[in-house]
Amino acid sequence: MYFPKDGLYIKDLGVFFDSQLTFSEHIHQKINKAYSMLGIVKRNFIHMDPRTFILLYKALVRPHVEYANSVWSPYKKR
């Protein structure tokens, strides 16, 4: 279990959710992780062509955003 300032979150298979089944904490953490990975790519691979950047982006950044998105992506749709 994970106890942030604003309530109780449970982490199951890498997905954070609360008692209302909102995934806002999960989405927030995944976006932060993706931005940090993007920063690592941009800092360490300064001189690269667009093809190399796309390859690194797809390998290092996108998996963090796409993990378990079938669970949390449509949670606000009615």
C-alpha atoms as a PDB file:
ATOM      1  CA  MET A   1       0.000   0.000   0.000  1.00  0.00           C
ATOM      2  CA  TYR A   2       1.034   3.553  -0.662  1.00  0.00           C
ATOM      3  CA  PHE A   3       0.005   6.454   1.587  1.00  0.00           C
ATOM      4  CA  PRO A   4       0.303   9.855  -0.110  1.00  0.00           C
ATOM      5  CA  LYS A   5      -0.764  13.113   1.508  1.00  0.00           C
ATOM      6  CA  ASP A   6      -4.253  13.115   0.022  1.00  0.00           C
ATOM      7  CA  GLY A   7      -5.406   9.556   0.732  1.00  0.00           C
ATOM      8  CA  LEU A   8      -4.841   5.829   0.434  1.00  0.00           C
ATOM      9  CA  TYR A   9      -3.675   4.278  -2.820  1.00  0.00           C
ATOM     10  CA  ILE A  10      -3.175   0.617  -3.561  1.00  0.00           C
ATOM     11  CA  LYS A  11      -0.644  -0.575  -6.103  1.00  0.00           C
ATOM     12  CA  ASP A  12      -1.519  -3.780  -7.900  1.00  0.00           C
ATOM     13  CA  LEU A  13       0.591  -5.024 -10.823  1.00  0.00           C
ATOM     14  CA  GLY A  14       2.140  -1.587 -11.140  1.00  0.00           C
ATOM     15  CA  VAL A  15      -1.165   0.295 -11.327  1.00  0.00           C
ATOM     16  CA  PHE A  16      -2.130   2.747  -8.557  1.00  0.00           C
ATOM     17  CA  PHE A  17      -5.802   3.191  -7.728  1.00  0.00           C
ATOM     18  CA  ASP A  18      -7.860   4.397  -4.793  1.00  0.00           C
ATOM     19  CA  SER A  19     -11.182   3.414  -3.244  1.00  0.00           C
ATOM     20  CA  GLN A  20     -13.081   5.416  -5.890  1.00  0.00           C
ATOM     21  CA  LEU A  21     -11.186   3.563  -8.662  1.00  0.00           C
ATOM     22  CA  THR A  22      -9.648   6.758  -9.954  1.00  0.00           C
ATOM     23  CA  PHE A  23      -6.246   6.410 -11.505  1.00  0.00           C
ATOM     24  CA  SER A  24      -5.098  10.002 -11.121  1.00  0.00           C
ATOM     25  CA  GLU A  25      -2.098   9.033  -8.975  1.00  0.00           C
ATOM     26  CA  HIS A  26      -1.101   6.343 -11.472  1.00  0.00           C
ATOM     27  CA  ILE A  27      -1.376   8.746 -14.398  1.00  0.00           C
ATOM     28  CA  HIS A  28       0.586  11.411 -12.501  1.00  0.00           C
ATOM     29  CA  GLN A  29       3.405   8.995 -11.678  1.00  0.00           C
ATOM     30  CA  LYS A  30       3.566   7.593 -15.211  1.00  0.00           C
ATOM     31  CA  ILE A  31       3.749  11.063 -16.738  1.00  0.00           C
ATOM     32  CA  ASN A  32       6.541  12.036 -14.330  1.00  0.00           C
ATOM     33  CA  LYS A  33       8.469   8.860 -15.158  1.00  0.00           C
ATOM     34  CA  ALA A  34       8.034   9.423 -18.906  1.00  0.00           C
ATOM     35  CA  TYR A  35       9.270  13.024 -18.592  1.00  0.00           C
ATOM     36  CA  SER A  36      12.296  11.889 -16.608  1.00  0.00           C
ATOM     37  CA  MET A  37      13.140   9.254 -19.228  1.00  0.00           C
ATOM     38  CA  LEU A  38      12.697  11.834 -21.978  1.00  0.00           C
ATOM     39  CA  GLY A  39      15.088  14.132 -20.114  1.00  0.00           C
ATOM     40  CA  ILE A  40      17.656  11.336 -19.887  1.00  0.00           C
ATOM     41  CA  VAL A  41      17.395  10.722 -23.623  1.00  0.00           C
ATOM     42  CA  LYS A  42      17.697  14.413 -24.476  1.00  0.00           C
ATOM     43  CA  ARG A  43      20.642  14.985 -22.102  1.00  0.00           C
ATOM     44  CA  ASN A  44      22.686  11.928 -23.030  1.00  0.00           C
ATOM     45  CA  PHE A  45      22.039  11.844 -26.759  1.00  0.00           C
ATOM     46  CA  ILE A  46      22.490  15.483 -27.706  1.00  0.00           C
ATOM     47  CA  HIS A  47      23.531  15.060 -31.338  1.00  0.00           C
ATOM     48  CA  MET A  48      21.159  12.581 -32.934  1.00  0.00           C
ATOM     49  CA  ASP A  49      19.061  12.439 -36.040  1.00  0.00           C
ATOM     50  CA  PRO A  50      15.244  12.242 -35.860  1.00  0.00           C
ATOM     51  CA  ARG A  51      15.251   8.526 -36.678  1.00  0.00           C
ATOM     52  CA  THR A  52      17.458   7.750 -33.665  1.00  0.00           C
ATOM     53  CA  PHE A  53      15.352   9.956 -31.399  1.00  0.00           C
ATOM     54  CA  ILE A  54      12.156   8.151 -32.467  1.00  0.00           C
ATOM     55  CA  LEU A  55      13.794   4.786 -31.843  1.00  0.00           C
ATOM     56  CA  LEU A  56      14.941   5.818 -28.347  1.00  0.00           C
ATOM     57  CA  TYR A  57      11.565   7.398 -27.584  1.00  0.00           C
ATOM     58  CA  LYS A  58       9.695   4.236 -28.557  1.00  0.00           C
ATOM     59  CA  ALA A  59      12.080   2.055 -26.560  1.00  0.00           C
ATOM     60  CA  LEU A  60      12.543   4.111 -23.390  1.00  0.00           C
ATOM     61  CA  VAL A  61       9.683   6.600 -22.960  1.00  0.00           C
ATOM     62  CA  ARG A  62       6.540   5.198 -24.534  1.00  0.00           C
ATOM     63  CA  PRO A  63       6.441   1.918 -22.546  1.00  0.00           C
ATOM     64  CA  HIS A  64       6.088   3.904 -19.310  1.00  0.00           C
ATOM     65  CA  VAL A  65       3.043   5.721 -20.644  1.00  0.00           C
ATOM     66  CA  GLU A  66       1.427   2.729 -22.320  1.00  0.00           C
ATOM     67  CA  TYR A  67       1.784   0.209 -19.481  1.00  0.00           C
ATOM     68  CA  ALA A  68      -1.697  -1.011 -18.449  1.00  0.00           C
ATOM     69  CA  ASN A  69      -3.415   1.788 -20.358  1.00  0.00           C
ATOM     70  CA  SER A  70      -6.308  -0.533 -21.198  1.00  0.00           C
ATOM     71  CA  VAL A  71      -7.125  -0.437 -17.477  1.00  0.00           C
ATOM     72  CA  TRP A  72      -6.811   3.277 -16.722  1.00  0.00           C
ATOM     73  CA  SER A  73      -7.336   4.999 -20.080  1.00  0.00           C
ATOM     74  CA  PRO A  74     -11.153   4.901 -20.429  1.00  0.00           C
ATOM     75  CA  TYR A  75     -11.913   5.473 -16.740  1.00  0.00           C
ATOM     76  CA  LYS A  76     -13.576   8.893 -17.297  1.00  0.00           C
ATOM     77  CA  LYS A  77     -15.725   7.869 -20.273  1.00  0.00           C
ATOM     78  CA  ARG A  78     -19.436   7.387 -19.696  1.00  0.00           C
END
